[in-house]
């Protein structure tokens, strides 16, 4: 499984990405999100001390409403997408990166200077990185496909778009890395 989201308050893993693709619509979505395998997406933290790049596409974009993502982002949800580890590279500021193990085997990486959340990893899925889209400089039209963990979303936020909603983890096919 490839982790795009996070663990919920009960520390259950949200496996929003396994390499299976069960529907043709999602297969098309994943292929279109990969798009040009030569494109480069750049990102950075708020202070600019940490810079990174992604060579290739993003996996499907999801809005995670679990309590951990809400607390880590200080907002009603976090916007995440998986990328392949081999396509993700830290360009500068490696010494500023700090990790926090939010649940067993799941690590959130952020800038120790400004606190910006940047990406996450899961020990059981070493081939992927879960990137926070707010840290990216350009996403070339990437669009969210779903709201996940809505069963633990904040009471003060109302979902009004037409995206699919999942009270907990979505089907595995929603989150293959780009």
C-alpha atoms as a PDB file:
ATOM      1  CA  UNK A   1       0.000   0.000   0.000  1.00  0.00           C
ATOM      2  CA  UNK A   2       1.161   3.541  -0.716  1.00  0.00           C
ATOM      3  CA  UNK A   3       0.306   6.141   1.837  1.00  0.00           C
ATOM      4  CA  UNK A   4      -1.156   9.372   0.520  1.00  0.00           C
ATOM      5  CA  UNK A   5      -3.041  10.366   3.558  1.00  0.00           C
ATOM      6  CA  UNK A   6      -2.318   9.586   7.150  1.00  0.00           C
ATOM      7  CA  UNK A   7      -3.572   7.678  10.127  1.00  0.00           C
ATOM      8  CA  UNK A   8      -6.854   8.576  11.786  1.00  0.00           C
ATOM      9  CA  UNK A   9      -7.332   9.291  15.458  1.00  0.00           C
ATOM     10  CA  UNK A  10      -7.437   5.570  16.205  1.00  0.00           C
ATOM     11  CA  UNK A  11      -4.071   5.195  14.412  1.00  0.00           C
ATOM     12  CA  UNK A  12      -5.539   3.071  11.620  1.00  0.00           C
ATOM     13  CA  UNK A  13      -3.499   3.426   8.454  1.00  0.00           C
ATOM     14  CA  UNK A  14      -5.192   5.198   5.597  1.00  0.00           C
ATOM     15  CA  UNK A  15      -3.859   3.237   2.613  1.00  0.00           C
ATOM     16  CA  UNK A  16      -4.882   5.637  -0.083  1.00  0.00           C
ATOM     17  CA  UNK A  17      -2.529   4.128  -2.534  1.00  0.00           C
ATOM     18  CA  UNK A  18      -1.864   0.599  -3.617  1.00  0.00           C
ATOM     19  CA  UNK A  19      -0.713  -0.022  -7.122  1.00  0.00           C
ATOM     20  CA  UNK A  20      -3.982  -1.665  -8.173  1.00  0.00           C
ATOM     21  CA  UNK A  21      -6.294   0.170 -10.559  1.00  0.00           C
ATOM     22  CA  UNK A  22      -9.765  -1.284 -10.399  1.00  0.00           C
ATOM     23  CA  UNK A  23     -11.797   0.984 -12.650  1.00  0.00           C
ATOM     24  CA  UNK A  24     -11.160   2.382 -16.100  1.00  0.00           C
ATOM     25  CA  UNK A  25     -12.115   5.902 -14.959  1.00  0.00           C
ATOM     26  CA  UNK A  26      -9.502   5.864 -12.215  1.00  0.00           C
ATOM     27  CA  UNK A  27      -6.976   4.265 -14.536  1.00  0.00           C
ATOM     28  CA  UNK A  28      -7.495   7.156 -16.955  1.00  0.00           C
ATOM     29  CA  UNK A  29      -7.225   9.651 -14.091  1.00  0.00           C
ATOM     30  CA  UNK A  30      -3.972   8.153 -12.880  1.00  0.00           C
ATOM     31  CA  UNK A  31      -2.529   8.075 -16.385  1.00  0.00           C
ATOM     32  CA  UNK A  32      -3.485  11.690 -17.015  1.00  0.00           C
ATOM     33  CA  UNK A  33      -1.955  12.740 -13.705  1.00  0.00           C
ATOM     34  CA  UNK A  34       1.305  11.153 -14.793  1.00  0.00           C
ATOM     35  CA  UNK A  35       1.142  13.040 -18.051  1.00  0.00           C
ATOM     36  CA  UNK A  36       4.578  14.088 -19.164  1.00  0.00           C
ATOM     37  CA  UNK A  37       7.072  11.920 -17.330  1.00  0.00           C
ATOM     38  CA  UNK A  38       9.758  14.522 -18.058  1.00  0.00           C
ATOM     39  CA  UNK A  39       8.001  17.427 -16.361  1.00  0.00           C
ATOM     40  CA  UNK A  40       9.523  18.772 -13.178  1.00  0.00           C
ATOM     41  CA  UNK A  41       7.448  20.014 -10.276  1.00  0.00           C
ATOM     42  CA  UNK A  42       9.277  22.109  -7.701  1.00  0.00           C
ATOM     43  CA  UNK A  43       8.441  22.838  -4.101  1.00  0.00           C
ATOM     44  CA  UNK A  44       9.751  24.547  -1.004  1.00  0.00           C
ATOM     45  CA  UNK A  45       8.979  25.380   2.573  1.00  0.00           C
ATOM     46  CA  UNK A  46       7.721  28.791   3.725  1.00  0.00           C
ATOM     47  CA  UNK A  47      11.175  30.167   4.555  1.00  0.00           C
ATOM     48  CA  UNK A  48      12.723  28.739   1.369  1.00  0.00           C
ATOM     49  CA  UNK A  49      15.383  26.845   3.296  1.00  0.00           C
ATOM     50  CA  UNK A  50      14.184  23.466   2.020  1.00  0.00           C
ATOM     51  CA  UNK A  51      13.714  23.033  -1.716  1.00  0.00           C
ATOM     52  CA  UNK A  52      12.756  19.881  -3.557  1.00  0.00           C
ATOM     53  CA  UNK A  53      11.707  18.635  -6.971  1.00  0.00           C
ATOM     54  CA  UNK A  54       9.536  15.885  -8.390  1.00  0.00           C
ATOM     55  CA  UNK A  55      10.511  14.549 -11.812  1.00  0.00           C
ATOM     56  CA  UNK A  56       7.292  13.087 -13.130  1.00  0.00           C
ATOM     57  CA  UNK A  57       3.640  13.333 -12.304  1.00  0.00           C
ATOM     58  CA  UNK A  58       1.621  13.376  -9.146  1.00  0.00           C
ATOM     59  CA  UNK A  59      -0.688  10.582  -8.085  1.00  0.00           C
ATOM     60  CA  UNK A  60      -4.339  11.429  -7.500  1.00  0.00           C
ATOM     61  CA  UNK A  61      -4.875  14.427  -5.245  1.00  0.00           C
ATOM     62  CA  UNK A  62      -6.975  13.883  -2.111  1.00  0.00           C
ATOM     63  CA  UNK A  63      -8.256  16.092   0.690  1.00  0.00           C
ATOM     64  CA  UNK A  64      -7.651  14.292   3.987  1.00  0.00           C
ATOM     65  CA  UNK A  65      -9.936  15.304   6.874  1.00  0.00           C
ATOM     66  CA  UNK A  66      -8.500  12.954   9.521  1.00  0.00           C
ATOM     67  CA  UNK A  67      -7.684  14.476  12.885  1.00  0.00           C
ATOM     68  CA  UNK A  68      -3.935  14.050  12.410  1.00  0.00           C
ATOM     69  CA  UNK A  69      -3.876  15.904   9.084  1.00  0.00           C
ATOM     70  CA  UNK A  70      -6.077  18.632  10.558  1.00  0.00           C
ATOM     71  CA  UNK A  71      -3.716  19.083  13.494  1.00  0.00           C
ATOM     72  CA  UNK A  72      -0.578  18.905  11.350  1.00  0.00           C
ATOM     73  CA  UNK A  73      -1.911  21.491   8.899  1.00  0.00           C
ATOM     74  CA  UNK A  74      -3.779  23.712  11.350  1.00  0.00           C
ATOM     75  CA  UNK A  75      -6.669  23.657   8.906  1.00  0.00           C
ATOM     76  CA  UNK A  76      -9.811  21.679   8.105  1.00  0.00           C
ATOM     77  CA  UNK A  77      -7.930  19.226   5.850  1.00  0.00           C
ATOM     78  CA  UNK A  78      -4.590  18.506   4.164  1.00  0.00           C
ATOM     79  CA  UNK A  79      -4.173  18.252   0.403  1.00  0.00           C
ATOM     80  CA  UNK A  80      -1.884  15.350  -0.502  1.00  0.00           C
ATOM     81  CA  UNK A  81      -0.658  13.354  -3.493  1.00  0.00           C
ATOM     82  CA  UNK A  82       1.737  10.425  -3.696  1.00  0.00           C
ATOM     83  CA  UNK A  83       4.880  10.471  -5.792  1.00  0.00           C
ATOM     84  CA  UNK A  84       7.436   7.787  -6.440  1.00  0.00           C
ATOM     85  CA  UNK A  85      10.473   7.979  -4.149  1.00  0.00           C
ATOM     86  CA  UNK A  86      12.868   7.782  -7.095  1.00  0.00           C
ATOM     87  CA  UNK A  87      11.182  10.854  -8.630  1.00  0.00           C
ATOM     88  CA  UNK A  88      11.468  12.929  -5.436  1.00  0.00           C
ATOM     89  CA  UNK A  89      14.693  14.775  -4.629  1.00  0.00           C
ATOM     90  CA  UNK A  90      15.702  17.285  -1.940  1.00  0.00           C
ATOM     91  CA  UNK A  91      17.651  20.077  -3.645  1.00  0.00           C
ATOM     92  CA  UNK A  92      18.675  22.093  -0.599  1.00  0.00           C
ATOM     93  CA  UNK A  93      18.086  22.332   3.122  1.00  0.00           C
ATOM     94  CA  UNK A  94      18.431  18.652   3.958  1.00  0.00           C
ATOM     95  CA  UNK A  95      19.857  19.700   7.330  1.00  0.00           C
ATOM     96  CA  UNK A  96      16.623  21.591   8.095  1.00  0.00           C
ATOM     97  CA  UNK A  97      14.387  18.543   7.672  1.00  0.00           C
ATOM     98  CA  UNK A  98      12.851  17.120  10.828  1.00  0.00           C
ATOM     99  CA  UNK A  99      10.656  14.045  11.067  1.00  0.00           C
ATOM    100  CA  UNK A 100       7.845  13.255  13.449  1.00  0.00           C
ATOM    101  CA  UNK A 101       6.447   9.741  13.768  1.00  0.00           C
ATOM    102  CA  UNK A 102       2.720  10.483  13.949  1.00  0.00           C
ATOM    103  CA  UNK A 103       1.764   6.802  14.169  1.00  0.00           C
ATOM    104  CA  UNK A 104       3.881   3.629  14.082  1.00  0.00           C
ATOM    105  CA  UNK A 105       5.858   3.590  10.833  1.00  0.00           C
ATOM    106  CA  UNK A 106       4.340   6.840   9.502  1.00  0.00           C
ATOM    107  CA  UNK A 107       6.616   9.850   9.457  1.00  0.00           C
ATOM    108  CA  UNK A 108       5.788  13.466   8.661  1.00  0.00           C
ATOM    109  CA  UNK A 109       8.672  15.598   7.446  1.00  0.00           C
ATOM    110  CA  UNK A 110       8.755  19.348   7.953  1.00  0.00           C
ATOM    111  CA  UNK A 111      11.174  22.280   7.963  1.00  0.00           C
ATOM    112  CA  UNK A 112      12.658  22.789  11.421  1.00  0.00           C
ATOM    113  CA  UNK A 113      13.096  26.517  10.786  1.00  0.00           C
ATOM    114  CA  UNK A 114       9.603  27.556   9.616  1.00  0.00           C
ATOM    115  CA  UNK A 115       7.530  24.455  10.453  1.00  0.00           C
ATOM    116  CA  UNK A 116       6.123  23.899   6.966  1.00  0.00           C
ATOM    117  CA  UNK A 117       4.810  20.346   6.482  1.00  0.00           C
ATOM    118  CA  UNK A 118       6.414  19.006   3.291  1.00  0.00           C
ATOM    119  CA  UNK A 119       5.970  15.261   2.835  1.00  0.00           C
ATOM    120  CA  UNK A 120       5.326  11.992   4.609  1.00  0.00           C
ATOM    121  CA  UNK A 121       6.638   8.459   4.433  1.00  0.00           C
ATOM    122  CA  UNK A 122       5.466   5.052   5.578  1.00  0.00           C
ATOM    123  CA  UNK A 123       7.905   2.304   6.587  1.00  0.00           C
ATOM    124  CA  UNK A 124       5.832  -0.377   4.895  1.00  0.00           C
ATOM    125  CA  UNK A 125       5.791   1.626   1.639  1.00  0.00           C
ATOM    126  CA  UNK A 126       9.357   2.820   1.121  1.00  0.00           C
ATOM    127  CA  UNK A 127       8.781   3.441  -2.607  1.00  0.00           C
ATOM    128  CA  UNK A 128       6.508   6.480  -2.128  1.00  0.00           C
ATOM    129  CA  UNK A 129       6.401   9.963  -0.665  1.00  0.00           C
ATOM    130  CA  UNK A 130       3.134  11.694   0.286  1.00  0.00           C
ATOM    131  CA  UNK A 131       3.636  15.322  -0.728  1.00  0.00           C
ATOM    132  CA  UNK A 132       1.683  18.281   0.652  1.00  0.00           C
ATOM    133  CA  UNK A 133       0.437  20.195  -2.357  1.00  0.00           C
ATOM    134  CA  UNK A 134       0.614  23.502  -0.494  1.00  0.00           C
ATOM    135  CA  UNK A 135       4.408  23.205  -0.595  1.00  0.00           C
ATOM    136  CA  UNK A 136       4.508  22.931  -4.401  1.00  0.00           C
ATOM    137  CA  UNK A 137       5.346  25.865  -6.664  1.00  0.00           C
ATOM    138  CA  UNK A 138       3.432  24.462  -9.622  1.00  0.00           C
ATOM    139  CA  UNK A 139       0.955  21.623 -10.019  1.00  0.00           C
ATOM    140  CA  UNK A 140       0.077  22.036 -13.704  1.00  0.00           C
ATOM    141  CA  UNK A 141      -3.669  21.725 -13.268  1.00  0.00           C
ATOM    142  CA  UNK A 142      -3.740  18.802 -10.820  1.00  0.00           C
ATOM    143  CA  UNK A 143      -7.249  18.450  -9.425  1.00  0.00           C
ATOM    144  CA  UNK A 144      -8.523  16.692  -6.327  1.00  0.00           C
ATOM    145  CA  UNK A 145     -10.472  13.452  -6.800  1.00  0.00           C
ATOM    146  CA  UNK A 146     -11.904  12.862  -3.323  1.00  0.00           C
ATOM    147  CA  UNK A 147     -12.349  13.864   0.312  1.00  0.00           C
ATOM    148  CA  UNK A 148     -11.144  11.103   2.627  1.00  0.00           C
ATOM    149  CA  UNK A 149     -11.638  10.395   6.331  1.00  0.00           C
ATOM    150  CA  UNK A 150     -14.719  12.619   6.330  1.00  0.00           C
ATOM    151  CA  UNK A 151     -16.010  10.686   9.324  1.00  0.00           C
ATOM    152  CA  UNK A 152     -13.541  12.659  11.429  1.00  0.00           C
ATOM    153  CA  UNK A 153     -13.763  15.998   9.608  1.00  0.00           C
ATOM    154  CA  UNK A 154     -14.182  19.204  11.573  1.00  0.00           C
ATOM    155  CA  UNK A 155     -17.730  20.304  12.414  1.00  0.00           C
ATOM    156  CA  UNK A 156     -17.002  23.842  11.243  1.00  0.00           C
ATOM    157  CA  UNK A 157     -16.209  22.892   7.624  1.00  0.00           C
ATOM    158  CA  UNK A 158     -18.915  21.954   5.131  1.00  0.00           C
ATOM    159  CA  UNK A 159     -17.957  20.056   1.972  1.00  0.00           C
ATOM    160  CA  UNK A 160     -19.808  21.670  -0.908  1.00  0.00           C
ATOM    161  CA  UNK A 161     -18.013  20.405  -4.015  1.00  0.00           C
ATOM    162  CA  UNK A 162     -19.064  17.363  -6.016  1.00  0.00           C
ATOM    163  CA  UNK A 163     -16.040  15.202  -5.237  1.00  0.00           C
ATOM    164  CA  UNK A 164     -16.512  11.700  -3.876  1.00  0.00           C
ATOM    165  CA  UNK A 165     -16.417  11.392  -0.105  1.00  0.00           C
ATOM    166  CA  UNK A 166     -15.175   8.496   2.004  1.00  0.00           C
ATOM    167  CA  UNK A 167     -15.810   8.312   5.748  1.00  0.00           C
ATOM    168  CA  UNK A 168     -12.521   6.481   6.138  1.00  0.00           C
ATOM    169  CA  UNK A 169     -10.020   5.202   3.618  1.00  0.00           C
ATOM    170  CA  UNK A 170     -10.937   5.289  -0.085  1.00  0.00           C
ATOM    171  CA  UNK A 171     -10.568   2.349  -2.460  1.00  0.00           C
ATOM    172  CA  UNK A 172      -6.957   1.408  -3.085  1.00  0.00           C
ATOM    173  CA  UNK A 173      -7.162   2.490  -6.715  1.00  0.00           C
ATOM    174  CA  UNK A 174      -7.491   6.156  -5.787  1.00  0.00           C
ATOM    175  CA  UNK A 175      -3.928   6.804  -4.930  1.00  0.00           C
ATOM    176  CA  UNK A 176      -1.203   5.277  -7.032  1.00  0.00           C
ATOM    177  CA  UNK A 177       1.869   7.500  -7.144  1.00  0.00           C
ATOM    178  CA  UNK A 178       2.497   9.532 -10.296  1.00  0.00           C
END
